[in-house]
Structures are given as structure tokens and as C-alpha cells.
Amino acid sequence: MAPRPKFEDQMSVIRVRKNYAAPYLKQKYVYIDKKDVKTEKNFKSAMNEKIRNWPDGVYFLKLSSGKVFTRFQVKENRVTQIFRISPATGLRYPMHEFFVKRAKR
């Protein structure tokens, strides 16, 4: 298991296109609090406030180290899907390491 990455509150926004991925020029960075990545629901609601008027498509957030933190899909100004596994490497995205594990009942 890989070590848990260090959390960064400022991340680069990259928009994925059909043949390439490029920085999203209208909003180069997004700021996220650590409390917003405790659950998938918290992340979606926090991002939905930040992504107003973003075009539909797939985006990812990149750490300053160059590692992709998470990848998600935007549709009609809302985060509709958060991807767990990278299609390029087959590994889980680091954001999922920050989710709080609930105790089973």
C-alpha cells in the first residue's frame, strides 16, 4: 500500500479533452478544505459551489507534486461522478485515502 499523500488545499484544475488534457484556463486553481474530503457527499457539495458555469466534461485536480488527486465528471454545473480508479495506471486516486471509514453495524 502506498503512503497516504500530504493534503494540499490548493490544487490545479485540468480539463480532459478527447485527445489531450490541459489546464482549465478560466479557473486555474481550486481551494478545498480538508473537511470537504471526509466523504464523497461532502466533496460533491463543496465542489458544486465552486464549479458554477464550468462546461460539461471530465476534470481532475492535480497536486503540486504533479500527482492527480482526483478525477470527476461535471454535468449541468454539478459533479455527477467521482472516479475511484485511474484508467492510465489502474491505481486508486489519493482522495479516497482521506475518506473517513464508517464502522460497520
PDB file of N, CA and C in Angstrom:
ATOM      1  N   MET A   1       0.846  -1.180   0.000  1.00  0.00           N
ATOM      2  CA  MET A   1       0.000   0.000   0.000  1.00  0.00           C
ATOM      3  C   MET A   1       0.887   1.237   0.000  1.00  0.00           C
ATOM      4  N   ALA A   2       0.548   2.182  -0.823  1.00  0.00           N
ATOM      5  CA  ALA A   2       1.319   3.420  -0.932  1.00  0.00           C
ATOM      6  C   ALA A   2       1.061   4.304   0.280  1.00  0.00           C
ATOM      7  N   PRO A   3       2.035   5.115   0.675  1.00  0.00           N
ATOM      8  CA  PRO A   3       1.814   6.010   1.812  1.00  0.00           C
ATOM      9  C   PRO A   3       0.755   7.057   1.478  1.00  0.00           C
ATOM     10  N   ARG A   4       0.043   7.474   2.503  1.00  0.00           N
ATOM     11  CA  ARG A   4      -1.008   8.466   2.325  1.00  0.00           C
ATOM     12  C   ARG A   4      -0.373   9.793   1.909  1.00  0.00           C
ATOM     13  N   PRO A   5      -0.885  10.424   0.842  1.00  0.00           N
ATOM     14  CA  PRO A   5      -0.275  11.677   0.384  1.00  0.00           C
ATOM     15  C   PRO A   5      -0.565  12.821   1.344  1.00  0.00           C
ATOM     16  N   LYS A   6       0.282  13.817   1.298  1.00  0.00           N
ATOM     17  CA  LYS A   6       0.076  15.008   2.106  1.00  0.00           C
ATOM     18  C   LYS A   6      -1.058  15.813   1.481  1.00  0.00           C
ATOM     19  N   PHE A   7      -1.967  16.295   2.307  1.00  0.00           N
ATOM     20  CA  PHE A   7      -3.100  17.072   1.797  1.00  0.00           C
ATOM     21  C   PHE A   7      -2.657  18.487   1.457  1.00  0.00           C
ATOM     22  N   GLU A   8      -3.101  18.976   0.309  1.00  0.00           N
ATOM     23  CA  GLU A   8      -2.835  20.352  -0.111  1.00  0.00           C
ATOM     24  C   GLU A   8      -4.175  21.022  -0.366  1.00  0.00           C
ATOM     25  N   ASP A   9      -4.333  22.262   0.098  1.00  0.00           N
ATOM     26  CA  ASP A   9      -5.621  22.924  -0.092  1.00  0.00           C
ATOM     27  C   ASP A   9      -5.737  23.612  -1.450  1.00  0.00           C
ATOM     28  N   GLN A  10      -4.638  23.867  -2.138  1.00  0.00           N
ATOM     29  CA  GLN A  10      -4.670  24.465  -3.471  1.00  0.00           C
ATOM     30  C   GLN A  10      -4.273  23.412  -4.487  1.00  0.00           C
ATOM     31  N   MET A  11      -5.156  23.171  -5.464  1.00  0.00           N
ATOM     32  CA  MET A  11      -4.873  22.174  -6.495  1.00  0.00           C
ATOM     33  C   MET A  11      -5.147  22.747  -7.873  1.00  0.00           C
ATOM     34  N   SER A  12      -4.373  22.318  -8.843  1.00  0.00           N
ATOM     35  CA  SER A  12      -4.558  22.746 -10.227  1.00  0.00           C
ATOM     36  C   SER A  12      -5.759  22.024 -10.830  1.00  0.00           C
ATOM     37  N   VAL A  13      -6.501  22.732 -11.671  1.00  0.00           N
ATOM     38  CA  VAL A  13      -7.654  22.150 -12.354  1.00  0.00           C
ATOM     39  C   VAL A  13      -7.232  21.826 -13.782  1.00  0.00           C
ATOM     40  N   ILE A  14      -7.419  20.571 -14.180  1.00  0.00           N
ATOM     41  CA  ILE A  14      -7.083  20.120 -15.522  1.00  0.00           C
ATOM     42  C   ILE A  14      -8.359  19.607 -16.185  1.00  0.00           C
ATOM     43  N   ARG A  15      -8.628  20.098 -17.383  1.00  0.00           N
ATOM     44  CA  ARG A  15      -9.808  19.654 -18.128  1.00  0.00           C
ATOM     45  C   ARG A  15      -9.374  18.598 -19.134  1.00  0.00           C
ATOM     46  N   VAL A  16     -10.064  17.468 -19.129  1.00  0.00           N
ATOM     47  CA  VAL A  16      -9.739  16.356 -20.013  1.00  0.00           C
ATOM     48  C   VAL A  16     -10.545  16.510 -21.302  1.00  0.00           C
ATOM     49  N   ARG A  17      -9.844  16.516 -22.408  1.00  0.00           N
ATOM     50  CA  ARG A  17     -10.482  16.567 -23.726  1.00  0.00           C
ATOM     51  C   ARG A  17     -10.366  15.202 -24.387  1.00  0.00           C
ATOM     52  N   LYS A  18     -10.872  15.091 -25.594  1.00  0.00           N
ATOM     53  CA  LYS A  18     -10.865  13.798 -26.275  1.00  0.00           C
ATOM     54  C   LYS A  18      -9.450  13.267 -26.496  1.00  0.00           C
ATOM     55  N   ASN A  19      -8.544  14.125 -26.943  1.00  0.00           N
ATOM     56  CA  ASN A  19      -7.200  13.673 -27.280  1.00  0.00           C
ATOM     57  C   ASN A  19      -6.108  14.164 -26.343  1.00  0.00           C
ATOM     58  N   TYR A  20      -6.449  15.011 -25.391  1.00  0.00           N
ATOM     59  CA  TYR A  20      -5.424  15.570 -24.508  1.00  0.00           C
ATOM     60  C   TYR A  20      -6.062  16.132 -23.243  1.00  0.00           C
ATOM     61  N   ALA A  21      -5.242  16.474 -22.284  1.00  0.00           N
ATOM     62  CA  ALA A  21      -5.678  17.131 -21.053  1.00  0.00           C
ATOM     63  C   ALA A  21      -4.881  18.420 -20.923  1.00  0.00           C
ATOM     64  N   ALA A  22      -5.593  19.504 -20.581  1.00  0.00           N
ATOM     65  CA  ALA A  22      -4.928  20.803 -20.490  1.00  0.00           C
ATOM     66  C   ALA A  22      -5.456  21.565 -19.285  1.00  0.00           C
ATOM     67  N   PRO A  23      -4.677  22.498 -18.756  1.00  0.00           N
ATOM     68  CA  PRO A  23      -5.175  23.308 -17.632  1.00  0.00           C
ATOM     69  C   PRO A  23      -6.445  24.057 -18.023  1.00  0.00           C
ATOM     70  N   TYR A  24      -7.370  24.132 -17.084  1.00  0.00           N
ATOM     71  CA  TYR A  24      -8.613  24.867 -17.315  1.00  0.00           C
ATOM     72  C   TYR A  24      -8.306  26.336 -17.079  1.00  0.00           C
ATOM     73  N   LEU A  25      -8.303  27.121 -18.137  1.00  0.00           N
ATOM     74  CA  LEU A  25      -7.804  28.489 -18.076  1.00  0.00           C
ATOM     75  C   LEU A  25      -8.724  29.453 -17.330  1.00  0.00           C
ATOM     76  N   LYS A  26     -10.018  29.169 -17.281  1.00  0.00           N
ATOM     77  CA  LYS A  26     -10.934  30.082 -16.596  1.00  0.00           C
ATOM     78  C   LYS A  26     -10.783  30.024 -15.082  1.00  0.00           C
ATOM     79  N   GLN A  27     -10.322  28.887 -14.575  1.00  0.00           N
ATOM     80  CA  GLN A  27     -10.074  28.744 -13.142  1.00  0.00           C
ATOM     81  C   GLN A  27      -8.899  27.788 -12.977  1.00  0.00           C
ATOM     82  N   LYS A  28      -7.708  28.337 -12.834  1.00  0.00           N
ATOM     83  CA  LYS A  28      -6.506  27.508 -12.808  1.00  0.00           C
ATOM     84  C   LYS A  28      -6.359  26.690 -11.531  1.00  0.00           C
ATOM     85  N   TYR A  29      -6.857  27.234 -10.421  1.00  0.00           N
ATOM     86  CA  TYR A  29      -6.718  26.544  -9.134  1.00  0.00           C
ATOM     87  C   TYR A  29      -8.059  26.476  -8.434  1.00  0.00           C
ATOM     88  N   VAL A  30      -8.185  25.453  -7.606  1.00  0.00           N
ATOM     89  CA  VAL A  30      -9.361  25.323  -6.762  1.00  0.00           C
ATOM     90  C   VAL A  30      -8.852  25.092  -5.343  1.00  0.00           C
ATOM     91  N   TYR A  31      -9.524  25.683  -4.380  1.00  0.00           N
ATOM     92  CA  TYR A  31      -9.129  25.561  -2.974  1.00  0.00           C
ATOM     93  C   TYR A  31     -10.145  24.694  -2.247  1.00  0.00           C
ATOM     94  N   ILE A  32      -9.651  23.679  -1.563  1.00  0.00           N
ATOM     95  CA  ILE A  32     -10.511  22.725  -0.865  1.00  0.00           C
ATOM     96  C   ILE A  32     -10.030  22.587   0.567  1.00  0.00           C
ATOM     97  N   ASP A  33     -10.970  22.596   1.512  1.00  0.00           N
ATOM     98  CA  ASP A  33     -10.638  22.348   2.912  1.00  0.00           C
ATOM     99  C   ASP A  33     -10.540  20.846   3.139  1.00  0.00           C
ATOM    100  N   LYS A  34      -9.739  20.462   4.110  1.00  0.00           N
ATOM    101  CA  LYS A  34      -9.571  19.038   4.408  1.00  0.00           C
ATOM    102  C   LYS A  34     -10.886  18.401   4.869  1.00  0.00           C
ATOM    103  N   LYS A  35     -11.732  19.190   5.526  1.00  0.00           N
ATOM    104  CA  LYS A  35     -13.018  18.652   5.992  1.00  0.00           C
ATOM    105  C   LYS A  35     -13.947  18.307   4.822  1.00  0.00           C
ATOM    106  N   ASP A  36     -13.685  18.886   3.652  1.00  0.00           N
ATOM    107  CA  ASP A  36     -14.524  18.624   2.483  1.00  0.00           C
ATOM    108  C   ASP A  36     -14.208  17.305   1.793  1.00  0.00           C
ATOM    109  N   VAL A  37     -13.153  16.628   2.201  1.00  0.00           N
ATOM    110  CA  VAL A  37     -12.837  15.332   1.596  1.00  0.00           C
ATOM    111  C   VAL A  37     -13.020  14.181   2.589  1.00  0.00           C
ATOM    112  N   LYS A  38     -13.852  14.391   3.599  1.00  0.00           N
ATOM    113  CA  LYS A  38     -14.110  13.301   4.550  1.00  0.00           C
ATOM    114  C   LYS A  38     -15.050  12.259   3.969  1.00  0.00           C
ATOM    115  N   THR A  39     -15.995  12.700   3.124  1.00  0.00           N
ATOM    116  CA  THR A  39     -16.905  11.771   2.456  1.00  0.00           C
ATOM    117  C   THR A  39     -17.108  12.235   1.017  1.00  0.00           C
ATOM    118  N   GLU A  40     -17.592  11.336   0.210  1.00  0.00           N
ATOM    119  CA  GLU A  40     -17.864  11.666  -1.188  1.00  0.00           C
ATOM    120  C   GLU A  40     -18.958  12.730  -1.280  1.00  0.00           C
ATOM    121  N   LYS A  41     -19.949  12.637  -0.430  1.00  0.00           N
ATOM    122  CA  LYS A  41     -21.043  13.612  -0.416  1.00  0.00           C
ATOM    123  C   LYS A  41     -20.530  15.020  -0.075  1.00  0.00           C
ATOM    124  N   ASN A  42     -19.668  15.127   0.929  1.00  0.00           N
ATOM    125  CA  ASN A  42     -19.078  16.420   1.298  1.00  0.00           C
ATOM    126  C   ASN A  42     -18.274  17.008   0.136  1.00  0.00           C
ATOM    127  N   PHE A  43     -17.498  16.160  -0.543  1.00  0.00           N
ATOM    128  CA  PHE A  43     -16.696  16.633  -1.660  1.00  0.00           C
ATOM    129  C   PHE A  43     -17.578  17.161  -2.786  1.00  0.00           C
ATOM    130  N   LYS A  44     -18.623  16.401  -3.111  1.00  0.00           N
ATOM    131  CA  LYS A  44     -19.517  16.829  -4.185  1.00  0.00           C
ATOM    132  C   LYS A  44     -20.184  18.161  -3.862  1.00  0.00           C
ATOM    133  N   SER A  45     -20.678  18.320  -2.651  1.00  0.00           N
ATOM    134  CA  SER A  45     -21.360  19.568  -2.302  1.00  0.00           C
ATOM    135  C   SER A  45     -20.378  20.747  -2.292  1.00  0.00           C
ATOM    136  N   ALA A  46     -19.157  20.545  -1.812  1.00  0.00           N
ATOM    137  CA  ALA A  46     -18.165  21.616  -1.804  1.00  0.00           C
ATOM    138  C   ALA A  46     -17.770  22.000  -3.233  1.00  0.00           C
ATOM    139  N   MET A  47     -17.592  21.016  -4.083  1.00  0.00           N
ATOM    140  CA  MET A  47     -17.218  21.303  -5.469  1.00  0.00           C
ATOM    141  C   MET A  47     -18.365  21.945  -6.243  1.00  0.00           C
ATOM    142  N   ASN A  48     -19.593  21.546  -5.956  1.00  0.00           N
ATOM    143  CA  ASN A  48     -20.735  22.118  -6.663  1.00  0.00           C
ATOM    144  C   ASN A  48     -20.835  23.628  -6.444  1.00  0.00           C
ATOM    145  N   GLU A  49     -20.363  24.103  -5.302  1.00  0.00           N
ATOM    146  CA  GLU A  49     -20.350  25.546  -5.047  1.00  0.00           C
ATOM    147  C   GLU A  49     -19.253  26.251  -5.843  1.00  0.00           C
ATOM    148  N   LYS A  50     -18.186  25.530  -6.181  1.00  0.00           N
ATOM    149  CA  LYS A  50     -17.032  26.137  -6.849  1.00  0.00           C
ATOM    150  C   LYS A  50     -17.077  26.048  -8.371  1.00  0.00           C
ATOM    151  N   ILE A  51     -17.890  25.167  -8.927  1.00  0.00           N
ATOM    152  CA  ILE A  51     -17.814  24.891 -10.367  1.00  0.00           C
ATOM    153  C   ILE A  51     -18.944  25.518 -11.167  1.00  0.00           C
ATOM    154  N   ARG A  52     -19.486  26.585 -10.708  1.00  0.00           N
ATOM    155  CA  ARG A  52     -20.560  27.232 -11.462  1.00  0.00           C
ATOM    156  C   ARG A  52     -20.054  27.661 -12.829  1.00  0.00           C
ATOM    157  N   ASN A  53     -20.848  27.375 -13.830  1.00  0.00           N
ATOM    158  CA  ASN A  53     -20.573  27.744 -15.226  1.00  0.00           C
ATOM    159  C   ASN A  53     -19.385  27.017 -15.848  1.00  0.00           C
ATOM    160  N   TRP A  54     -18.962  25.891 -15.275  1.00  0.00           N
ATOM    161  CA  TRP A  54     -17.947  25.079 -15.933  1.00  0.00           C
ATOM    162  C   TRP A  54     -18.629  24.283 -17.040  1.00  0.00           C
ATOM    163  N   PRO A  55     -17.991  24.122 -18.190  1.00  0.00           N
ATOM    164  CA  PRO A  55     -18.560  23.284 -19.243  1.00  0.00           C
ATOM    165  C   PRO A  55     -18.623  21.821 -18.809  1.00  0.00           C
ATOM    166  N   ASP A  56     -19.575  21.086 -19.371  1.00  0.00           N
ATOM    167  CA  ASP A  56     -19.675  19.654 -19.081  1.00  0.00           C
ATOM    168  C   ASP A  56     -18.403  18.959 -19.541  1.00  0.00           C
ATOM    169  N   GLY A  57     -18.004  17.946 -18.797  1.00  0.00           N
ATOM    170  CA  GLY A  57     -16.815  17.184 -19.171  1.00  0.00           C
ATOM    171  C   GLY A  57     -16.139  16.574 -17.971  1.00  0.00           C
ATOM    172  N   VAL A  58     -14.984  15.995 -18.199  1.00  0.00           N
ATOM    173  CA  VAL A  58     -14.206  15.340 -17.155  1.00  0.00           C
ATOM    174  C   VAL A  58     -13.058  16.268 -16.761  1.00  0.00           C
ATOM    175  N   TYR A  59     -12.838  16.385 -15.454  1.00  0.00           N
ATOM    176  CA  TYR A  59     -11.779  17.229 -14.905  1.00  0.00           C
ATOM    177  C   TYR A  59     -10.995  16.416 -13.888  1.00  0.00           C
ATOM    178  N   PHE A  60      -9.753  16.826 -13.642  1.00  0.00           N
ATOM    179  CA  PHE A  60      -9.062  16.272 -12.491  1.00  0.00           C
ATOM    180  C   PHE A  60      -8.318  17.362 -11.760  1.00  0.00           C
ATOM    181  N   LEU A  61      -8.084  17.107 -10.475  1.00  0.00           N
ATOM    182  CA  LEU A  61      -7.360  18.035  -9.624  1.00  0.00           C
ATOM    183  C   LEU A  61      -5.969  17.460  -9.405  1.00  0.00           C
ATOM    184  N   LYS A  62      -4.971  18.305  -9.576  1.00  0.00           N
ATOM    185  CA  LYS A  62      -3.584  17.865  -9.507  1.00  0.00           C
ATOM    186  C   LYS A  62      -2.887  18.523  -8.329  1.00  0.00           C
ATOM    187  N   LEU A  63      -2.103  17.743  -7.601  1.00  0.00           N
ATOM    188  CA  LEU A  63      -1.300  18.248  -6.501  1.00  0.00           C
ATOM    189  C   LEU A  63      -0.067  18.967  -7.051  1.00  0.00           C
ATOM    190  N   SER A  64       0.602  19.733  -6.210  1.00  0.00           N
ATOM    191  CA  SER A  64       1.799  20.457  -6.664  1.00  0.00           C
ATOM    192  C   SER A  64       2.922  19.497  -7.067  1.00  0.00           C
ATOM    193  N   SER A  65       2.883  18.276  -6.556  1.00  0.00           N
ATOM    194  CA  SER A  65       3.891  17.275  -6.917  1.00  0.00           C
ATOM    195  C   SER A  65       3.672  16.718  -8.325  1.00  0.00           C
ATOM    196  N   GLY A  66       2.522  17.045  -8.931  1.00  0.00           N
ATOM    197  CA  GLY A  66       2.202  16.543 -10.261  1.00  0.00           C
ATOM    198  C   GLY A  66       1.312  15.322 -10.243  1.00  0.00           C
ATOM    199  N   LYS A  67       1.046  14.787  -9.064  1.00  0.00           N
ATOM    200  CA  LYS A  67       0.203  13.604  -8.938  1.00  0.00           C
ATOM    201  C   LYS A  67      -1.267  14.010  -8.989  1.00  0.00           C
ATOM    202  N   VAL A  68      -2.075  13.227  -9.678  1.00  0.00           N
ATOM    203  CA  VAL A  68      -3.509  13.511  -9.775  1.00  0.00           C
ATOM    204  C   VAL A  68      -4.174  13.133  -8.453  1.00  0.00           C
ATOM    205  N   PHE A  69      -4.905  14.085  -7.862  1.00  0.00           N
ATOM    206  CA  PHE A  69      -5.567  13.862  -6.575  1.00  0.00           C
ATOM    207  C   PHE A  69      -6.911  13.169  -6.764  1.00  0.00           C
ATOM    208  N   THR A  70      -7.702  13.641  -7.721  1.00  0.00           N
ATOM    209  CA  THR A  70      -8.987  13.020  -8.017  1.00  0.00           C
ATOM    210  C   THR A  70      -9.421  13.379  -9.424  1.00  0.00           C
ATOM    211  N   ARG A  71     -10.342  12.608  -9.939  1.00  0.00           N
ATOM    212  CA  ARG A  71     -10.909  12.837 -11.275  1.00  0.00           C
ATOM    213  C   ARG A  71     -12.418  12.752 -11.147  1.00  0.00           C
ATOM    214  N   PHE A  72     -13.124  13.683 -11.778  1.00  0.00           N
ATOM    215  CA  PHE A  72     -14.584  13.705 -11.649  1.00  0.00           C
ATOM    216  C   PHE A  72     -15.229  14.229 -12.920  1.00  0.00           C
ATOM    217  N   GLN A  73     -16.520  13.948 -13.041  1.00  0.00           N
ATOM    218  CA  GLN A  73     -17.279  14.376 -14.204  1.00  0.00           C
ATOM    219  C   GLN A  73     -18.259  15.464 -13.807  1.00  0.00           C
ATOM    220  N   VAL A  74     -18.346  16.516 -14.632  1.00  0.00           N
ATOM    221  CA  VAL A  74     -19.265  17.625 -14.404  1.00  0.00           C
ATOM    222  C   VAL A  74     -20.339  17.582 -15.484  1.00  0.00           C
ATOM    223  N   LYS A  75     -21.574  17.682 -15.045  1.00  0.00           N
ATOM    224  CA  LYS A  75     -22.695  17.743 -15.979  1.00  0.00           C
ATOM    225  C   LYS A  75     -23.718  18.712 -15.422  1.00  0.00           C
ATOM    226  N   GLU A  76     -24.082  19.719 -16.211  1.00  0.00           N
ATOM    227  CA  GLU A  76     -25.062  20.732 -15.827  1.00  0.00           C
ATOM    228  C   GLU A  76     -24.694  21.402 -14.500  1.00  0.00           C
ATOM    229  N   ASN A  77     -23.456  21.846 -14.393  1.00  0.00           N
ATOM    230  CA  ASN A  77     -22.929  22.567 -13.223  1.00  0.00           C
ATOM    231  C   ASN A  77     -22.965  21.769 -11.925  1.00  0.00           C
ATOM    232  N   ARG A  78     -22.888  20.452 -12.012  1.00  0.00           N
ATOM    233  CA  ARG A  78     -22.871  19.593 -10.831  1.00  0.00           C
ATOM    234  C   ARG A  78     -21.871  18.461 -11.045  1.00  0.00           C
ATOM    235  N   VAL A  79     -21.245  18.025  -9.965  1.00  0.00           N
ATOM    236  CA  VAL A  79     -20.384  16.848 -10.025  1.00  0.00           C
ATOM    237  C   VAL A  79     -21.304  15.632 -10.038  1.00  0.00           C
ATOM    238  N   THR A  80     -21.263  14.872 -11.125  1.00  0.00           N
ATOM    239  CA  THR A  80     -22.154  13.721 -11.244  1.00  0.00           C
ATOM    240  C   THR A  80     -21.471  12.409 -10.899  1.00  0.00           C
ATOM    241  N   GLN A  81     -20.152  12.343 -11.096  1.00  0.00           N
ATOM    242  CA  GLN A  81     -19.441  11.092 -10.833  1.00  0.00           C
ATOM    243  C   GLN A  81     -18.025  11.394 -10.378  1.00  0.00           C
ATOM    244  N   ILE A  82     -17.578  10.648  -9.385  1.00  0.00           N
ATOM    245  CA  ILE A  82     -16.195  10.717  -8.928  1.00  0.00           C
ATOM    246  C   ILE A  82     -15.560   9.369  -9.250  1.00  0.00           C
ATOM    247  N   PHE A  83     -14.494   9.397 -10.016  1.00  0.00           N
ATOM    248  CA  PHE A  83     -13.842   8.158 -10.420  1.00  0.00           C
ATOM    249  C   PHE A  83     -12.914   7.678  -9.306  1.00  0.00           C
ATOM    250  N   ARG A  84     -12.905   6.382  -9.052  1.00  0.00           N
ATOM    251  CA  ARG A  84     -12.075   5.801  -7.992  1.00  0.00           C
ATOM    252  C   ARG A  84     -10.729   5.311  -8.525  1.00  0.00           C
ATOM    253  N   ILE A  85     -10.737   4.771  -9.751  1.00  0.00           N
ATOM    254  CA  ILE A  85      -9.553   4.132 -10.314  1.00  0.00           C
ATOM    255  C   ILE A  85      -9.070   4.916 -11.535  1.00  0.00           C
ATOM    256  N   SER A  86      -7.774   5.112 -11.627  1.00  0.00           N
ATOM    257  CA  SER A  86      -7.181   5.795 -12.783  1.00  0.00           C
ATOM    258  C   SER A  86      -7.176   4.855 -13.984  1.00  0.00           C
ATOM    259  N   PRO A  87      -7.681   5.304 -15.143  1.00  0.00           N
ATOM    260  CA  PRO A  87      -7.635   4.430 -16.322  1.00  0.00           C
ATOM    261  C   PRO A  87      -6.207   4.246 -16.861  1.00  0.00           C
ATOM    262  N   ALA A  88      -5.321   5.184 -16.553  1.00  0.00           N
ATOM    263  CA  ALA A  88      -3.947   5.101 -17.047  1.00  0.00           C
ATOM    264  C   ALA A  88      -3.088   4.150 -16.222  1.00  0.00           C
ATOM    265  N   THR A  89      -3.226   4.194 -14.889  1.00  0.00           N
ATOM    266  CA  THR A  89      -2.349   3.400 -14.031  1.00  0.00           C
ATOM    267  C   THR A  89      -3.054   2.213 -13.374  1.00  0.00           C
ATOM    268  N   GLY A  90      -4.390   2.269 -13.281  1.00  0.00           N
ATOM    269  CA  GLY A  90      -5.125   1.198 -12.608  1.00  0.00           C
ATOM    270  C   GLY A  90      -5.087   1.309 -11.091  1.00  0.00           C
ATOM    271  N   LEU A  91      -4.575   2.434 -10.563  1.00  0.00           N
ATOM    272  CA  LEU A  91      -4.482   2.646  -9.116  1.00  0.00           C
ATOM    273  C   LEU A  91      -5.595   3.570  -8.641  1.00  0.00           C
ATOM    274  N   ARG A  92      -5.909   3.471  -7.344  1.00  0.00           N
ATOM    275  CA  ARG A  92      -6.910   4.370  -6.760  1.00  0.00           C
ATOM    276  C   ARG A  92      -6.352   5.779  -6.653  1.00  0.00           C
ATOM    277  N   TYR A  93      -7.259   6.755  -6.815  1.00  0.00           N
ATOM    278  CA  TYR A  93      -6.851   8.150  -6.647  1.00  0.00           C
ATOM    279  C   TYR A  93      -6.622   8.441  -5.165  1.00  0.00           C
ATOM    280  N   PRO A  94      -5.648   9.298  -4.837  1.00  0.00           N
ATOM    281  CA  PRO A  94      -5.309   9.580  -3.437  1.00  0.00           C
ATOM    282  C   PRO A  94      -6.449  10.167  -2.617  1.00  0.00           C
ATOM    283  N   MET A  95      -7.415  10.841  -3.232  1.00  0.00           N
ATOM    284  CA  MET A  95      -8.502  11.443  -2.462  1.00  0.00           C
ATOM    285  C   MET A  95      -9.247  10.400  -1.633  1.00  0.00           C
ATOM    286  N   HIS A  96      -9.358   9.202  -2.153  1.00  0.00           N
ATOM    287  CA  HIS A  96     -10.111   8.167  -1.459  1.00  0.00           C
ATOM    288  C   HIS A  96      -9.435   7.699  -0.177  1.00  0.00           C
ATOM    289  N   GLU A  97      -8.154   8.019  -0.008  1.00  0.00           N
ATOM    290  CA  GLU A  97      -7.451   7.699   1.240  1.00  0.00           C
ATOM    291  C   GLU A  97      -7.891   8.629   2.372  1.00  0.00           C
ATOM    292  N   PHE A  98      -8.448   9.776   2.034  1.00  0.00           N
ATOM    293  CA  PHE A  98      -8.872  10.747   3.046  1.00  0.00           C
ATOM    294  C   PHE A  98     -10.311  10.520   3.504  1.00  0.00           C
ATOM    295  N   PHE A  99     -11.069   9.690   2.797  1.00  0.00           N
ATOM    296  CA  PHE A  99     -12.448   9.425   3.213  1.00  0.00           C
ATOM    297  C   PHE A  99     -12.455   8.713   4.556  1.00  0.00           C
ATOM    298  N   VAL A 100     -13.365   9.104   5.424  1.00  0.00           N
ATOM    299  CA  VAL A 100     -13.487   8.500   6.741  1.00  0.00           C
ATOM    300  C   VAL A 100     -14.212   7.170   6.592  1.00  0.00           C
ATOM    301  N   LYS A 101     -13.615   6.145   7.154  1.00  0.00           N
ATOM    302  CA  LYS A 101     -14.231   4.822   7.115  1.00  0.00           C
ATOM    303  C   LYS A 101     -15.260   4.717   8.240  1.00  0.00           C
ATOM    304  N   ARG A 102     -16.496   4.391   7.883  1.00  0.00           N
ATOM    305  CA  ARG A 102     -17.538   4.237   8.901  1.00  0.00           C
ATOM    306  C   ARG A 102     -17.495   2.831   9.474  1.00  0.00           C
ATOM    307  N   ALA A 103     -17.738   2.742  10.762  1.00  0.00           N
ATOM    308  CA  ALA A 103     -17.756   1.439  11.421  1.00  0.00           C
ATOM    309  C   ALA A 103     -19.009   0.663  10.978  1.00  0.00           C
ATOM    310  N   LYS A 104     -18.840  -0.618  10.723  1.00  0.00           N
ATOM    311  CA  LYS A 104     -19.969  -1.447  10.321  1.00  0.00           C
ATOM    312  C   LYS A 104     -20.821  -1.746  11.537  1.00  0.00           C
ATOM    313  N   ARG A 105     -22.110  -1.783  11.301  1.00  0.00           N
ATOM    314  CA  ARG A 105     -23.051  -2.056  12.406  1.00  0.00           C
ATOM    315  C   ARG A 105     -23.341  -3.509  12.550  1.00  0.00           C
TER     316      ARG A 105
END
